[in-house]
């Protein structure tokens, strides 16, 4: 098996360019997580930064329930954005990263 070092270098440069472009794209990927039939909604981007939190007034009556709803909405948004990221990475020919 002949391995050409120049081919390896070219592939490495191509991968680096793809990943650089993908990192820029992460800020534009977003997902919204929901809990309590929409009582709590959380938006996060592909950089895993929380962008917005919306809480319905009726959710504020019960502190423990509100805490659970916030955690559930956050988890839902994380799962969704990770699925989008893994899909994008898969489209680039790499296995999922998250």
PDB file of N, CA and C in Angstrom:
ATOM      1  N   UNK A   1       0.848  -1.183   0.000  1.00  0.00           N
ATOM      2  CA  UNK A   1       0.000   0.000   0.000  1.00  0.00           C
ATOM      3  C   UNK A   1       0.886   1.235   0.000  1.00  0.00           C
ATOM      4  N   UNK A   2       0.741   2.058  -1.004  1.00  0.00           N
ATOM      5  CA  UNK A   2       1.525   3.286  -1.107  1.00  0.00           C
ATOM      6  C   UNK A   2       0.706   4.447  -0.567  1.00  0.00           C
ATOM      7  N   UNK A   3       1.235   5.121   0.396  1.00  0.00           N
ATOM      8  CA  UNK A   3       0.589   6.300   0.960  1.00  0.00           C
ATOM      9  C   UNK A   3       1.410   7.512   0.575  1.00  0.00           C
ATOM     10  N   UNK A   4       0.735   8.415  -0.100  1.00  0.00           N
ATOM     11  CA  UNK A   4       1.404   9.630  -0.559  1.00  0.00           C
ATOM     12  C   UNK A   4       1.241  10.709   0.522  1.00  0.00           C
ATOM     13  N   UNK A   5       2.333  11.162   1.097  1.00  0.00           N
ATOM     14  CA  UNK A   5       2.241  12.185   2.142  1.00  0.00           C
ATOM     15  C   UNK A   5       1.560  13.465   1.667  1.00  0.00           C
ATOM     16  N   UNK A   6       1.696  13.793   0.391  1.00  0.00           N
ATOM     17  CA  UNK A   6       1.045  14.995  -0.137  1.00  0.00           C
ATOM     18  C   UNK A   6      -0.472  14.845  -0.130  1.00  0.00           C
ATOM     19  N   UNK A   7      -0.947  13.635  -0.403  1.00  0.00           N
ATOM     20  CA  UNK A   7      -2.396  13.396  -0.351  1.00  0.00           C
ATOM     21  C   UNK A   7      -2.922  13.550   1.079  1.00  0.00           C
ATOM     22  N   UNK A   8      -2.158  13.070   2.033  1.00  0.00           N
ATOM     23  CA  UNK A   8      -2.549  13.209   3.435  1.00  0.00           C
ATOM     24  C   UNK A   8      -2.610  14.684   3.812  1.00  0.00           C
ATOM     25  N   UNK A   9      -1.632  15.440   3.386  1.00  0.00           N
ATOM     26  CA  UNK A   9      -1.594  16.874   3.679  1.00  0.00           C
ATOM     27  C   UNK A   9      -2.770  17.594   3.031  1.00  0.00           C
ATOM     28  N   UNK A  10      -3.077  17.262   1.785  1.00  0.00           N
ATOM     29  CA  UNK A  10      -4.213  17.882   1.095  1.00  0.00           C
ATOM     30  C   UNK A  10      -5.522  17.570   1.813  1.00  0.00           C
ATOM     31  N   UNK A  11      -5.680  16.313   2.233  1.00  0.00           N
ATOM     32  CA  UNK A  11      -6.897  15.928   2.965  1.00  0.00           C
ATOM     33  C   UNK A  11      -6.993  16.652   4.295  1.00  0.00           C
ATOM     34  N   UNK A  12      -5.878  16.793   4.978  1.00  0.00           N
ATOM     35  CA  UNK A  12      -5.874  17.495   6.264  1.00  0.00           C
ATOM     36  C   UNK A  12      -6.259  18.954   6.079  1.00  0.00           C
ATOM     37  N   UNK A  13      -5.754  19.577   5.030  1.00  0.00           N
ATOM     38  CA  UNK A  13      -6.093  20.977   4.758  1.00  0.00           C
ATOM     39  C   UNK A  13      -7.572  21.114   4.419  1.00  0.00           C
ATOM     40  N   UNK A  14      -8.100  20.176   3.648  1.00  0.00           N
ATOM     41  CA  UNK A  14      -9.520  20.198   3.286  1.00  0.00           C
ATOM     42  C   UNK A  14     -10.390  20.050   4.530  1.00  0.00           C
ATOM     43  N   UNK A  15     -10.032  19.131   5.397  1.00  0.00           N
ATOM     44  CA  UNK A  15     -10.785  18.922   6.638  1.00  0.00           C
ATOM     45  C   UNK A  15     -10.723  20.174   7.504  1.00  0.00           C
ATOM     46  N   UNK A  16      -9.565  20.777   7.608  1.00  0.00           N
ATOM     47  CA  UNK A  16      -9.414  21.995   8.410  1.00  0.00           C
ATOM     48  C   UNK A  16     -10.293  23.121   7.861  1.00  0.00           C
ATOM     49  N   UNK A  17     -10.353  23.260   6.553  1.00  0.00           N
ATOM     50  CA  UNK A  17     -11.196  24.286   5.937  1.00  0.00           C
ATOM     51  C   UNK A  17     -12.674  24.015   6.214  1.00  0.00           C
ATOM     52  N   UNK A  18     -13.076  22.748   6.101  1.00  0.00           N
ATOM     53  CA  UNK A  18     -14.466  22.383   6.373  1.00  0.00           C
ATOM     54  C   UNK A  18     -14.837  22.689   7.820  1.00  0.00           C
ATOM     55  N   UNK A  19     -13.964  22.339   8.739  1.00  0.00           N
ATOM     56  CA  UNK A  19     -14.258  22.547  10.155  1.00  0.00           C
ATOM     57  C   UNK A  19     -14.278  24.034  10.494  1.00  0.00           C
ATOM     58  N   UNK A  20     -13.428  24.811   9.875  1.00  0.00           N
ATOM     59  CA  UNK A  20     -13.419  26.252  10.097  1.00  0.00           C
ATOM     60  C   UNK A  20     -14.744  26.862   9.639  1.00  0.00           C
ATOM     61  N   UNK A  21     -15.195  26.468   8.471  1.00  0.00           N
ATOM     62  CA  UNK A  21     -16.477  26.949   7.967  1.00  0.00           C
ATOM     63  C   UNK A  21     -17.626  26.500   8.840  1.00  0.00           C
ATOM     64  N   UNK A  22     -17.529  25.288   9.348  1.00  0.00           N
ATOM     65  CA  UNK A  22     -18.583  24.750  10.209  1.00  0.00           C
ATOM     66  C   UNK A  22     -18.651  25.520  11.526  1.00  0.00           C
ATOM     67  N   UNK A  23     -17.520  25.881  12.087  1.00  0.00           N
ATOM     68  CA  UNK A  23     -17.510  26.637  13.341  1.00  0.00           C
ATOM     69  C   UNK A  23     -18.220  27.972  13.170  1.00  0.00           C
ATOM     70  N   UNK A  24     -18.048  28.601  12.029  1.00  0.00           N
ATOM     71  CA  UNK A  24     -18.744  29.860  11.763  1.00  0.00           C
ATOM     72  C   UNK A  24     -20.250  29.637  11.666  1.00  0.00           C
ATOM     73  N   UNK A  25     -20.628  28.506  11.125  1.00  0.00           N
ATOM     74  CA  UNK A  25     -22.039  28.179  10.921  1.00  0.00           C
ATOM     75  C   UNK A  25     -22.768  27.885  12.239  1.00  0.00           C
ATOM     76  N   UNK A  26     -22.029  27.477  13.259  1.00  0.00           N
ATOM     77  CA  UNK A  26     -22.645  27.093  14.534  1.00  0.00           C
ATOM     78  C   UNK A  26     -23.498  28.201  15.141  1.00  0.00           C
ATOM     79  N   UNK A  27     -23.091  29.433  14.979  1.00  0.00           N
ATOM     80  CA  UNK A  27     -23.856  30.545  15.539  1.00  0.00           C
ATOM     81  C   UNK A  27     -25.205  30.734  14.881  1.00  0.00           C
ATOM     82  N   UNK A  28     -25.379  30.173  13.688  1.00  0.00           N
ATOM     83  CA  UNK A  28     -26.634  30.326  12.951  1.00  0.00           C
ATOM     84  C   UNK A  28     -27.568  29.135  13.122  1.00  0.00           C
ATOM     85  N   UNK A  29     -27.066  28.064  13.715  1.00  0.00           N
ATOM     86  CA  UNK A  29     -27.905  26.906  14.020  1.00  0.00           C
ATOM     87  C   UNK A  29     -28.646  27.217  15.314  1.00  0.00           C
ATOM     88  N   UNK A  30     -29.929  26.887  15.365  1.00  0.00           N
ATOM     89  CA  UNK A  30     -30.666  27.129  16.604  1.00  0.00           C
ATOM     90  C   UNK A  30     -31.751  26.082  16.775  1.00  0.00           C
ATOM     91  N   UNK A  31     -32.192  25.937  18.004  1.00  0.00           N
ATOM     92  CA  UNK A  31     -33.283  25.021  18.330  1.00  0.00           C
ATOM     93  C   UNK A  31     -34.028  25.567  19.534  1.00  0.00           C
ATOM     94  N   UNK A  32     -35.306  25.251  19.594  1.00  0.00           N
ATOM     95  CA  UNK A  32     -36.138  25.655  20.719  1.00  0.00           C
ATOM     96  C   UNK A  32     -36.617  24.413  21.446  1.00  0.00           C
ATOM     97  N   UNK A  33     -36.420  24.421  22.759  1.00  0.00           N
ATOM     98  CA  UNK A  33     -36.910  23.343  23.599  1.00  0.00           C
ATOM     99  C   UNK A  33     -38.164  23.794  24.322  1.00  0.00           C
ATOM    100  N   UNK A  34     -39.081  22.869  24.498  1.00  0.00           N
ATOM    101  CA  UNK A  34     -40.361  23.167  25.133  1.00  0.00           C
ATOM    102  C   UNK A  34     -40.588  22.249  26.318  1.00  0.00           C
ATOM    103  N   UNK A  35     -41.338  22.748  27.296  1.00  0.00           N
ATOM    104  CA  UNK A  35     -41.755  21.910  28.423  1.00  0.00           C
ATOM    105  C   UNK A  35     -43.096  22.428  28.931  1.00  0.00           C
ATOM    106  N   UNK A  36     -43.862  21.508  29.524  1.00  0.00           N
ATOM    107  CA  UNK A  36     -45.144  21.897  30.097  1.00  0.00           C
ATOM    108  C   UNK A  36     -46.102  22.433  29.053  1.00  0.00           C
ATOM    109  N   UNK A  37     -46.157  21.769  27.904  1.00  0.00           N
ATOM    110  CA  UNK A  37     -47.052  22.188  26.810  1.00  0.00           C
ATOM    111  C   UNK A  37     -46.809  23.647  26.428  1.00  0.00           C
ATOM    112  N   UNK A  38     -45.549  24.058  26.437  1.00  0.00           N
ATOM    113  CA  UNK A  38     -45.203  25.408  26.017  1.00  0.00           C
ATOM    114  C   UNK A  38     -45.174  26.437  27.129  1.00  0.00           C
ATOM    115  N   UNK A  39     -45.305  25.995  28.380  1.00  0.00           N
ATOM    116  CA  UNK A  39     -45.210  26.948  29.486  1.00  0.00           C
ATOM    117  C   UNK A  39     -43.811  27.540  29.584  1.00  0.00           C
ATOM    118  N   UNK A  40     -42.813  26.747  29.214  1.00  0.00           N
ATOM    119  CA  UNK A  40     -41.427  27.218  29.208  1.00  0.00           C
ATOM    120  C   UNK A  40     -40.822  26.872  27.855  1.00  0.00           C
ATOM    121  N   UNK A  41     -40.148  27.846  27.261  1.00  0.00           N
ATOM    122  CA  UNK A  41     -39.444  27.657  25.988  1.00  0.00           C
ATOM    123  C   UNK A  41     -38.036  28.227  26.127  1.00  0.00           C
ATOM    124  N   UNK A  42     -37.064  27.484  25.612  1.00  0.00           N
ATOM    125  CA  UNK A  42     -35.674  27.934  25.659  1.00  0.00           C
ATOM    126  C   UNK A  42     -35.058  27.766  24.282  1.00  0.00           C
ATOM    127  N   UNK A  43     -34.452  28.842  23.772  1.00  0.00           N
ATOM    128  CA  UNK A  43     -33.749  28.823  22.490  1.00  0.00           C
ATOM    129  C   UNK A  43     -32.252  28.760  22.754  1.00  0.00           C
ATOM    130  N   UNK A  44     -31.551  27.860  22.051  1.00  0.00           N
ATOM    131  CA  UNK A  44     -30.093  27.824  22.122  1.00  0.00           C
ATOM    132  C   UNK A  44     -29.546  27.765  20.696  1.00  0.00           C
ATOM    133  N   UNK A  45     -28.295  28.192  20.548  1.00  0.00           N
ATOM    134  CA  UNK A  45     -27.670  28.139  19.228  1.00  0.00           C
ATOM    135  C   UNK A  45     -26.693  26.969  19.162  1.00  0.00           C
ATOM    136  N   UNK A  46     -26.068  26.816  18.015  1.00  0.00           N
ATOM    137  CA  UNK A  46     -25.139  25.715  17.802  1.00  0.00           C
ATOM    138  C   UNK A  46     -23.865  25.804  18.613  1.00  0.00           C
ATOM    139  N   UNK A  47     -23.623  26.970  19.211  1.00  0.00           N
ATOM    140  CA  UNK A  47     -22.483  27.114  20.119  1.00  0.00           C
ATOM    141  C   UNK A  47     -22.887  26.758  21.549  1.00  0.00           C
ATOM    142  N   UNK A  48     -24.110  26.242  21.697  1.00  0.00           N
ATOM    143  CA  UNK A  48     -24.687  25.827  22.980  1.00  0.00           C
ATOM    144  C   UNK A  48     -24.845  27.001  23.940  1.00  0.00           C
ATOM    145  N   UNK A  49     -25.156  28.164  23.377  1.00  0.00           N
ATOM    146  CA  UNK A  49     -25.412  29.368  24.158  1.00  0.00           C
ATOM    147  C   UNK A  49     -26.921  29.599  24.214  1.00  0.00           C
ATOM    148  N   UNK A  50     -27.439  29.875  25.404  1.00  0.00           N
ATOM    149  CA  UNK A  50     -28.855  30.177  25.544  1.00  0.00           C
ATOM    150  C   UNK A  50     -29.110  31.545  24.925  1.00  0.00           C
ATOM    151  N   UNK A  51     -30.078  31.600  24.010  1.00  0.00           N
ATOM    152  CA  UNK A  51     -30.398  32.839  23.314  1.00  0.00           C
ATOM    153  C   UNK A  51     -31.648  33.515  23.867  1.00  0.00           C
ATOM    154  N   UNK A  52     -32.610  32.708  24.368  1.00  0.00           N
ATOM    155  CA  UNK A  52     -33.848  33.280  24.897  1.00  0.00           C
ATOM    156  C   UNK A  52     -34.518  32.278  25.822  1.00  0.00           C
ATOM    157  N   UNK A  53     -35.213  32.816  26.802  1.00  0.00           N
ATOM    158  CA  UNK A  53     -36.029  32.009  27.720  1.00  0.00           C
ATOM    159  C   UNK A  53     -37.387  32.690  27.828  1.00  0.00           C
ATOM    160  N   UNK A  54     -38.440  31.918  27.586  1.00  0.00           N
ATOM    161  CA  UNK A  54     -39.795  32.438  27.717  1.00  0.00           C
ATOM    162  C   UNK A  54     -40.551  31.585  28.721  1.00  0.00           C
ATOM    163  N   UNK A  55     -41.167  32.252  29.695  1.00  0.00           N
ATOM    164  CA  UNK A  55     -41.903  31.558  30.752  1.00  0.00           C
ATOM    165  C   UNK A  55     -43.304  32.151  30.825  1.00  0.00           C
ATOM    166  N   UNK A  56     -44.301  31.301  30.709  1.00  0.00           N
ATOM    167  CA  UNK A  56     -45.688  31.747  30.814  1.00  0.00           C
ATOM    168  C   UNK A  56     -45.988  32.124  32.253  1.00  0.00           C
ATOM    169  N   UNK A  57     -46.843  33.114  32.440  1.00  0.00           N
ATOM    170  CA  UNK A  57     -47.167  33.617  33.785  1.00  0.00           C
ATOM    171  C   UNK A  57     -47.692  32.507  34.698  1.00  0.00           C
ATOM    172  N   UNK A  58     -48.523  31.614  34.180  1.00  0.00           N
ATOM    173  CA  UNK A  58     -49.097  30.565  35.031  1.00  0.00           C
ATOM    174  C   UNK A  58     -48.055  29.567  35.524  1.00  0.00           C
ATOM    175  N   UNK A  59     -46.889  29.524  34.909  1.00  0.00           N
ATOM    176  CA  UNK A  59     -45.831  28.613  35.350  1.00  0.00           C
ATOM    177  C   UNK A  59     -45.125  29.141  36.591  1.00  0.00           C
ATOM    178  N   UNK A  60     -45.323  30.397  36.922  1.00  0.00           N
ATOM    179  CA  UNK A  60     -44.602  31.005  38.043  1.00  0.00           C
ATOM    180  C   UNK A  60     -45.273  30.786  39.397  1.00  0.00           C
ATOM    181  N   UNK A  61     -46.409  30.117  39.397  1.00  0.00           N
ATOM    182  CA  UNK A  61     -47.130  29.884  40.648  1.00  0.00           C
ATOM    183  C   UNK A  61     -46.487  28.801  41.507  1.00  0.00           C
ATOM    184  N   UNK A  62     -45.755  27.902  40.886  1.00  0.00           N
ATOM    185  CA  UNK A  62     -45.171  26.760  41.600  1.00  0.00           C
ATOM    186  C   UNK A  62     -43.670  26.714  41.301  1.00  0.00           C
ATOM    187  N   UNK A  63     -42.866  27.105  42.296  1.00  0.00           N
ATOM    188  CA  UNK A  63     -41.419  27.218  42.103  1.00  0.00           C
ATOM    189  C   UNK A  63     -40.781  25.898  41.680  1.00  0.00           C
ATOM    190  N   UNK A  64     -41.113  24.808  42.362  1.00  0.00           N
ATOM    191  CA  UNK A  64     -40.503  23.511  42.051  1.00  0.00           C
ATOM    192  C   UNK A  64     -40.891  23.057  40.643  1.00  0.00           C
ATOM    193  N   UNK A  65     -42.152  23.261  40.277  1.00  0.00           N
ATOM    194  CA  UNK A  65     -42.590  22.881  38.942  1.00  0.00           C
ATOM    195  C   UNK A  65     -41.856  23.717  37.888  1.00  0.00           C
ATOM    196  N   UNK A  66     -41.706  25.008  38.154  1.00  0.00           N
ATOM    197  CA  UNK A  66     -41.011  25.888  37.217  1.00  0.00           C
ATOM    198  C   UNK A  66     -39.566  25.443  37.028  1.00  0.00           C
ATOM    199  N   UNK A  67     -38.906  25.080  38.101  1.00  0.00           N
ATOM    200  CA  UNK A  67     -37.530  24.604  38.002  1.00  0.00           C
ATOM    201  C   UNK A  67     -37.455  23.351  37.130  1.00  0.00           C
ATOM    202  N   UNK A  68     -38.390  22.431  37.336  1.00  0.00           N
ATOM    203  CA  UNK A  68     -38.430  21.208  36.527  1.00  0.00           C
ATOM    204  C   UNK A  68     -38.708  21.519  35.056  1.00  0.00           C
ATOM    205  N   UNK A  69     -39.608  22.467  34.809  1.00  0.00           N
ATOM    206  CA  UNK A  69     -39.932  22.836  33.431  1.00  0.00           C
ATOM    207  C   UNK A  69     -38.740  23.479  32.730  1.00  0.00           C
ATOM    208  N   UNK A  70     -38.002  24.304  33.450  1.00  0.00           N
ATOM    209  CA  UNK A  70     -36.810  24.944  32.863  1.00  0.00           C
ATOM    210  C   UNK A  70     -35.779  23.884  32.492  1.00  0.00           C
ATOM    211  N   UNK A  71     -35.542  22.945  33.396  1.00  0.00           N
ATOM    212  CA  UNK A  71     -34.585  21.870  33.092  1.00  0.00           C
ATOM    213  C   UNK A  71     -35.047  21.048  31.903  1.00  0.00           C
ATOM    214  N   UNK A  72     -36.333  20.724  31.858  1.00  0.00           N
ATOM    215  CA  UNK A  72     -36.856  19.909  30.756  1.00  0.00           C
ATOM    216  C   UNK A  72     -36.759  20.651  29.425  1.00  0.00           C
ATOM    217  N   UNK A  73     -37.095  21.941  29.412  1.00  0.00           N
ATOM    218  CA  UNK A  73     -37.016  22.722  28.175  1.00  0.00           C
ATOM    219  C   UNK A  73     -35.567  22.857  27.712  1.00  0.00           C
ATOM    220  N   UNK A  74     -34.660  23.064  28.663  1.00  0.00           N
ATOM    221  CA  UNK A  74     -33.240  23.177  28.309  1.00  0.00           C
ATOM    222  C   UNK A  74     -32.740  21.861  27.720  1.00  0.00           C
ATOM    223  N   UNK A  75     -33.072  20.759  28.357  1.00  0.00           N
ATOM    224  CA  UNK A  75     -32.661  19.447  27.865  1.00  0.00           C
ATOM    225  C   UNK A  75     -33.223  19.201  26.467  1.00  0.00           C
ATOM    226  N   UNK A  76     -34.490  19.546  26.263  1.00  0.00           N
ATOM    227  CA  UNK A  76     -35.121  19.376  24.954  1.00  0.00           C
ATOM    228  C   UNK A  76     -34.392  20.191  23.888  1.00  0.00           C
ATOM    229  N   UNK A  77     -34.049  21.426  24.199  1.00  0.00           N
ATOM    230  CA  UNK A  77     -33.356  22.263  23.215  1.00  0.00           C
ATOM    231  C   UNK A  77     -31.952  21.724  22.933  1.00  0.00           C
ATOM    232  N   UNK A  78     -31.283  21.223  23.952  1.00  0.00           N
ATOM    233  CA  UNK A  78     -29.936  20.666  23.752  1.00  0.00           C
ATOM    234  C   UNK A  78     -29.982  19.439  22.840  1.00  0.00           C
ATOM    235  N   UNK A  79     -30.935  18.557  23.077  1.00  0.00           N
ATOM    236  CA  UNK A  79     -31.060  17.358  22.248  1.00  0.00           C
ATOM    237  C   UNK A  79     -31.314  17.760  20.801  1.00  0.00           C
ATOM    238  N   UNK A  80     -32.199  18.730  20.599  1.00  0.00           N
ATOM    239  CA  UNK A  80     -32.527  19.162  19.239  1.00  0.00           C
ATOM    240  C   UNK A  80     -31.331  19.789  18.535  1.00  0.00           C
ATOM    241  N   UNK A  81     -30.613  20.674  19.212  1.00  0.00           N
ATOM    242  CA  UNK A  81     -29.482  21.330  18.547  1.00  0.00           C
ATOM    243  C   UNK A  81     -28.353  20.334  18.305  1.00  0.00           C
ATOM    244  N   UNK A  82     -28.153  19.386  19.202  1.00  0.00           N
ATOM    245  CA  UNK A  82     -27.133  18.356  18.983  1.00  0.00           C
ATOM    246  C   UNK A  82     -27.487  17.506  17.771  1.00  0.00           C
ATOM    247  N   UNK A  83     -28.770  17.199  17.593  1.00  0.00           N
ATOM    248  CA  UNK A  83     -29.190  16.431  16.421  1.00  0.00           C
ATOM    249  C   UNK A  83     -28.896  17.206  15.129  1.00  0.00           C
ATOM    250  N   UNK A  84     -29.159  18.506  15.135  1.00  0.00           N
ATOM    251  CA  UNK A  84     -28.884  19.328  13.960  1.00  0.00           C
ATOM    252  C   UNK A  84     -27.380  19.355  13.682  1.00  0.00           C
ATOM    253  N   UNK A  85     -26.585  19.559  14.727  1.00  0.00           N
ATOM    254  CA  UNK A  85     -25.125  19.610  14.554  1.00  0.00           C
ATOM    255  C   UNK A  85     -24.607  18.280  14.021  1.00  0.00           C
ATOM    256  N   UNK A  86     -25.055  17.174  14.615  1.00  0.00           N
ATOM    257  CA  UNK A  86     -24.591  15.865  14.146  1.00  0.00           C
ATOM    258  C   UNK A  86     -25.019  15.608  12.704  1.00  0.00           C
ATOM    259  N   UNK A  87     -26.189  16.086  12.316  1.00  0.00           N
ATOM    260  CA  UNK A  87     -26.626  15.952  10.931  1.00  0.00           C
ATOM    261  C   UNK A  87     -25.734  16.738   9.990  1.00  0.00           C
ATOM    262  N   UNK A  88     -25.387  17.960  10.395  1.00  0.00           N
ATOM    263  CA  UNK A  88     -24.507  18.795   9.567  1.00  0.00           C
ATOM    264  C   UNK A  88     -23.121  18.165   9.434  1.00  0.00           C
ATOM    265  N   UNK A  89     -22.605  17.645  10.527  1.00  0.00           N
ATOM    266  CA  UNK A  89     -21.286  17.000  10.501  1.00  0.00           C
ATOM    267  C   UNK A  89     -21.346  15.744   9.631  1.00  0.00           C
ATOM    268  N   UNK A  90     -22.453  15.006   9.743  1.00  0.00           N
ATOM    269  CA  UNK A  90     -22.627  13.821   8.913  1.00  0.00           C
ATOM    270  C   UNK A  90     -22.648  14.172   7.417  1.00  0.00           C
ATOM    271  N   UNK A  91     -23.269  15.306   7.091  1.00  0.00           N
ATOM    272  CA  UNK A  91     -23.308  15.752   5.700  1.00  0.00           C
ATOM    273  C   UNK A  91     -21.920  16.088   5.167  1.00  0.00           C
ATOM    274  N   UNK A  92     -21.004  16.402   6.080  1.00  0.00           N
ATOM    275  CA  UNK A  92     -19.625  16.706   5.680  1.00  0.00           C
ATOM    276  C   UNK A  92     -18.805  15.414   5.552  1.00  0.00           C
ATOM    277  N   UNK A  93     -19.421  14.275   5.880  1.00  0.00           N
ATOM    278  CA  UNK A  93     -18.731  13.001   5.749  1.00  0.00           C
ATOM    279  C   UNK A  93     -18.033  12.529   7.007  1.00  0.00           C
ATOM    280  N   UNK A  94     -18.365  13.145   8.143  1.00  0.00           N
ATOM    281  CA  UNK A  94     -17.755  12.752   9.417  1.00  0.00           C
ATOM    282  C   UNK A  94     -18.829  12.153  10.316  1.00  0.00           C
ATOM    283  N   UNK A  95     -18.439  11.281  11.241  1.00  0.00           N
ATOM    284  CA  UNK A  95     -19.420  10.769  12.192  1.00  0.00           C
ATOM    285  C   UNK A  95     -19.854  11.880  13.150  1.00  0.00           C
ATOM    286  N   UNK A  96     -20.981  11.685  13.817  1.00  0.00           N
ATOM    287  CA  UNK A  96     -21.461  12.667  14.788  1.00  0.00           C
ATOM    288  C   UNK A  96     -20.423  12.966  15.851  1.00  0.00           C
ATOM    289  N   UNK A  97     -20.432  14.190  16.338  1.00  0.00           N
ATOM    290  CA  UNK A  97     -19.435  14.599  17.318  1.00  0.00           C
ATOM    291  C   UNK A  97     -20.043  14.818  18.697  1.00  0.00           C
ATOM    292  N   UNK A  98     -21.352  14.934  18.785  1.00  0.00           N
ATOM    293  CA  UNK A  98     -21.996  15.192  20.078  1.00  0.00           C
ATOM    294  C   UNK A  98     -22.921  14.067  20.457  1.00  0.00           C
TER     295      UNK A  98
END
